[in-house]
Amino acid sequence: MDNAKKYRMKCTLTFGDIYSQIIVWLIVLFISLATALGLMGASRPIYALATVGLILVLSLPFLLFAFVTTLLNHIEFDAVEPVAEAAGNASFTGGTMSSQSA
């Protein structure tokens, strides 16, 4: 068990990575609203509300899938070397000891 490597998880996701997905979804939303406004003038306005609801319900799973896959693509696991880990623990312990003695 002593030979097991330790890993550090790092997320490199930035807002720019999902910005285009949000823009595409907003375009789909505005197209659905334009369709609803076009149908609102017709004799059956319930079709307008059904159209907006259907487009929102059908597009949200795709948006969620895009966000989750983008997030998973930006998660990195880096192996932590035992020497670097020991040096990090020693400096942290040393800082704690000096603050307790002061």
Protein backbone atom coordinates (compact mmCIF):
# COMPACT_ATOMS: atom_id res chain seq x y z
CA MET A 1 0.00 0.00 0.00
CA ASP A 2 3.00 2.29 0.49
CA ASN A 3 3.69 2.16 -3.26
CA ALA A 4 0.28 3.62 -4.12
CA LYS A 5 0.56 6.96 -5.86
CA LYS A 6 -1.44 9.92 -4.72
CA TYR A 7 -3.18 12.12 -7.25
CA ARG A 8 -4.27 15.72 -7.18
CA MET A 9 -7.43 16.68 -9.04
CA LYS A 10 -7.36 19.98 -10.91
CA CYS A 11 -10.20 21.58 -12.88
CA THR A 12 -9.08 23.83 -15.74
CA LEU A 13 -12.58 24.87 -16.82
CA THR A 14 -13.02 28.56 -17.56
CA PHE A 15 -16.06 30.55 -18.54
CA GLY A 16 -14.75 30.84 -22.09
CA ASP A 17 -15.02 27.07 -22.48
CA ILE A 18 -18.79 27.08 -22.02
CA TYR A 19 -19.47 30.53 -23.43
CA SER A 20 -20.23 29.27 -26.94
CA GLN A 21 -22.60 26.62 -25.58
CA ILE A 22 -24.56 29.28 -23.72
CA ILE A 23 -24.70 31.47 -26.84
CA VAL A 24 -26.02 28.58 -28.98
CA TRP A 25 -28.65 27.74 -26.38
CA LEU A 26 -29.75 31.38 -26.19
CA ILE A 27 -30.08 31.43 -29.99
CA VAL A 28 -32.30 28.34 -29.81
CA LEU A 29 -34.33 30.01 -27.06
CA PHE A 30 -34.82 33.21 -29.06
CA ILE A 31 -35.81 31.25 -32.18
CA SER A 32 -38.42 29.40 -30.14
CA LEU A 33 -39.74 32.68 -28.76
CA ALA A 34 -39.90 34.12 -32.27
CA THR A 35 -41.84 31.06 -33.37
CA ALA A 36 -44.18 31.49 -30.44
CA LEU A 37 -44.80 35.12 -31.32
CA GLY A 38 -45.51 34.11 -34.89
CA LEU A 39 -48.01 31.52 -33.73
CA MET A 40 -49.53 33.86 -31.16
CA GLY A 41 -51.20 35.83 -33.94
CA ALA A 42 -52.85 32.68 -35.23
CA SER A 43 -56.26 31.56 -34.08
CA ARG A 44 -54.76 29.00 -31.63
CA PRO A 45 -52.34 30.67 -29.17
CA ILE A 46 -52.06 27.47 -27.13
CA TYR A 47 -49.83 26.12 -29.91
CA ALA A 48 -47.44 28.98 -29.26
CA LEU A 49 -47.04 28.06 -25.61
CA ALA A 50 -46.73 24.37 -26.48
CA THR A 51 -43.99 25.18 -29.00
CA VAL A 52 -41.91 27.13 -26.49
CA GLY A 53 -42.38 24.45 -23.83
CA LEU A 54 -41.48 21.65 -26.21
CA ILE A 55 -38.34 23.39 -27.44
CA LEU A 56 -37.21 24.17 -23.88
CA VAL A 57 -37.87 20.65 -22.64
CA LEU A 58 -36.08 19.09 -25.61
CA SER A 59 -33.10 21.44 -25.56
CA LEU A 60 -32.30 21.36 -21.83
CA PRO A 61 -30.97 17.75 -21.80
CA PHE A 62 -28.63 18.59 -24.68
CA LEU A 63 -27.40 21.68 -22.85
CA LEU A 64 -26.83 19.66 -19.68
CA PHE A 65 -24.98 16.97 -21.64
CA ALA A 66 -22.76 19.61 -23.25
CA PHE A 67 -21.94 21.21 -19.89
CA VAL A 68 -21.17 17.90 -18.18
CA THR A 69 -18.97 16.58 -20.98
CA THR A 70 -17.09 19.88 -21.17
CA LEU A 71 -16.54 19.77 -17.41
CA LEU A 72 -15.33 16.18 -17.51
CA ASN A 73 -12.91 17.02 -20.33
CA HIS A 74 -11.33 19.73 -18.17
CA ILE A 75 -10.66 17.62 -15.08
CA GLU A 76 -7.03 16.56 -14.78
CA PHE A 77 -5.40 14.16 -12.37
CA ASP A 78 -1.74 14.85 -11.64
CA ALA A 79 0.43 12.35 -9.80
CA VAL A 80 1.90 13.86 -6.65
CA GLU A 81 5.52 12.91 -6.13
CA PRO A 82 6.37 11.74 -2.60
CA VAL A 83 9.32 14.15 -2.38
CA ALA A 84 7.18 17.15 -3.26
CA GLU A 85 4.48 15.99 -0.87
CA ALA A 86 6.98 15.54 1.98
CA ALA A 87 8.45 19.00 1.31
CA GLY A 88 4.98 20.52 1.34
CA ASN A 89 4.09 18.80 4.62
CA ALA A 90 7.38 19.81 6.23
CA SER A 91 6.95 23.48 5.36
CA PHE A 92 3.36 23.42 6.57
CA THR A 93 4.31 21.69 9.82
CA GLY A 94 7.25 24.03 10.30
CA GLY A 95 5.00 27.07 9.87
CA THR A 96 2.53 25.65 12.38
CA MET A 97 5.24 24.91 14.94
CA SER A 98 6.77 28.37 14.69
CA SER A 99 3.40 30.05 15.18
CA GLN A 100 2.71 27.90 18.26
CA SER A 101 6.05 28.68 19.86
CA ALA A 102 5.67 32.45 19.35
